[in-house]
Each structure stands twice: as C-alpha cells, then as structure tokens.
C-alpha atoms as a PDB file:
ATOM      1  CA  UNK A   1      78.436 107.358  72.387  1.00  0.00           C
ATOM      2  CA  UNK A   2      81.544 106.072  70.437  1.00  0.00           C
ATOM      3  CA  UNK A   3      82.851 102.611  70.435  1.00  0.00           C
ATOM      4  CA  UNK A   4      85.744 103.523  72.392  1.00  0.00           C
ATOM      5  CA  UNK A   5      83.822 105.733  74.810  1.00  0.00           C
ATOM      6  CA  UNK A   6      81.705 102.455  75.660  1.00  0.00           C
ATOM      7  CA  UNK A   7      84.593 100.067  75.805  1.00  0.00           C
ATOM      8  CA  UNK A   8      86.087 102.525  78.503  1.00  0.00           C
ATOM      9  CA  UNK A   9      82.922 102.429  80.481  1.00  0.00           C
ATOM     10  CA  UNK A  10      82.605  98.516  80.363  1.00  0.00           C
ATOM     11  CA  UNK A  11      86.477  98.294  81.290  1.00  0.00           C
ATOM     12  CA  UNK A  12      85.914 100.665  83.927  1.00  0.00           C
ATOM     13  CA  UNK A  13      83.200  98.698  85.361  1.00  0.00           C
ATOM     14  CA  UNK A  14      85.308  95.534  85.213  1.00  0.00           C
ATOM     15  CA  UNK A  15      87.803  97.016  87.257  1.00  0.00           C
ATOM     16  CA  UNK A  16      85.460  98.556  89.987  1.00  0.00           C
ATOM     17  CA  UNK A  17      83.840  94.818  90.562  1.00  0.00           C
ATOM     18  CA  UNK A  18      87.253  93.613  90.709  1.00  0.00           C
ATOM     19  CA  UNK A  19      88.319  96.434  93.525  1.00  0.00           C
ATOM     20  CA  UNK A  20      85.055  95.593  95.256  1.00  0.00           C
ATOM     21  CA  UNK A  21      85.655  91.720  95.312  1.00  0.00           C
ATOM     22  CA  UNK A  22      89.236  92.518  96.585  1.00  0.00           C
ATOM     23  CA  UNK A  23      88.050  95.239  99.233  1.00  0.00           C
ATOM     24  CA  UNK A  24      84.748  93.103 100.132  1.00  0.00           C
ATOM     25  CA  UNK A  25      86.059  89.581 100.055  1.00  0.00           C
ATOM     26  CA  UNK A  26      89.825  89.616  99.757  1.00  0.00           C
ATOM     27  CA  UNK A  27      89.347  88.088  96.112  1.00  0.00           C
ATOM     28  CA  UNK A  28      91.344  89.658  93.361  1.00  0.00           C
ATOM     29  CA  UNK A  29      89.657  87.758  90.279  1.00  0.00           C
ATOM     30  CA  UNK A  30      92.023  88.728  87.741  1.00  0.00           C
ATOM     31  CA  UNK A  31      94.836  87.129  89.552  1.00  0.00           C
ATOM     32  CA  UNK A  32      92.647  84.111  90.025  1.00  0.00           C
ATOM     33  CA  UNK A  33      92.332  83.596  86.623  1.00  0.00           C
ATOM     34  CA  UNK A  34      95.503  84.722  85.098  1.00  0.00           C
ATOM     35  CA  UNK A  35      98.069  84.124  87.844  1.00  0.00           C
ATOM     36  CA  UNK A  36      99.410  87.118  90.359  1.00  0.00           C
ATOM     37  CA  UNK A  37     100.940  89.631  88.293  1.00  0.00           C
ATOM     38  CA  UNK A  38     101.412  87.192  85.534  1.00  0.00           C
ATOM     39  CA  UNK A  39     102.335  89.123  82.047  1.00  0.00           C
ATOM     40  CA  UNK A  40      98.338  88.816  81.095  1.00  0.00           C
ATOM     41  CA  UNK A  41      97.143  89.935  84.474  1.00  0.00           C
ATOM     42  CA  UNK A  42      99.313  93.048  84.065  1.00  0.00           C
ATOM     43  CA  UNK A  43      98.194  93.933  81.000  1.00  0.00           C
ATOM     44  CA  UNK A  44      94.656  93.829  82.038  1.00  0.00           C
ATOM     45  CA  UNK A  45      95.296  95.673  84.872  1.00  0.00           C
ATOM     46  CA  UNK A  46      97.183  98.355  82.462  1.00  0.00           C
ATOM     47  CA  UNK A  47      94.358  98.369  80.097  1.00  0.00           C
ATOM     48  CA  UNK A  48      91.792  99.053  82.739  1.00  0.00           C
ATOM     49  CA  UNK A  49      94.116 101.913  84.045  1.00  0.00           C
ATOM     50  CA  UNK A  50      94.342 103.400  80.174  1.00  0.00           C
ATOM     51  CA  UNK A  51      90.544 103.212  80.213  1.00  0.00           C
ATOM     52  CA  UNK A  52      90.295 105.084  83.293  1.00  0.00           C
ATOM     53  CA  UNK A  53      92.545 107.696  82.005  1.00  0.00           C
ATOM     54  CA  UNK A  54      90.656 108.042  78.594  1.00  0.00           C
ATOM     55  CA  UNK A  55      87.244 108.332  80.502  1.00  0.00           C
ATOM     56  CA  UNK A  56      88.696 111.397  82.787  1.00  0.00           C
ATOM     57  CA  UNK A  57      89.820 113.267  79.364  1.00  0.00           C
ATOM     58  CA  UNK A  58      86.408 112.116  77.784  1.00  0.00           C
ATOM     59  CA  UNK A  59      84.696 113.902  80.712  1.00  0.00           C
ATOM     60  CA  UNK A  60      86.959 116.958  80.948  1.00  0.00           C
ATOM     61  CA  UNK A  61      86.294 117.531  77.285  1.00  0.00           C
ATOM     62  CA  UNK A  62      82.578 117.260  77.314  1.00  0.00           C
ATOM     63  CA  UNK A  63      82.518 120.479  79.876  1.00  0.00           C
END
C-alpha cells in the first residue's frame, strides 16, 4: 500500500473511534481537545471526511 492509503486508513480509524466514543459515551474527543466546532476541529473533521472519500475511491478502483 502507498503512503496515502495508509494515512487514509489511520484517519478513518481515528474517525471511527471518535464516533464510537460519541455514540457510547456522548464524548467527542476532537471537540474536547480542540474546542467545539473550532477552526482546528472543523479542519480535522474535514480531513477525516476526505480520507473516507479517498478510501471509497481506492476500494472502487481495486475491483
């Protein structure tokens, strides 16, 4: 796997763990560390979203 593919997987895992903590414990780790909807937290959410889109494209191209 290429560097970007590994980075996308790591970001997706981080995003999944954050959503899991929100669902199970009502605790948003990104908002806790960087502030609720601060510029930094919004950038982090956007980058994780882009990683998800990149990985979807990666999976479709592998078929």
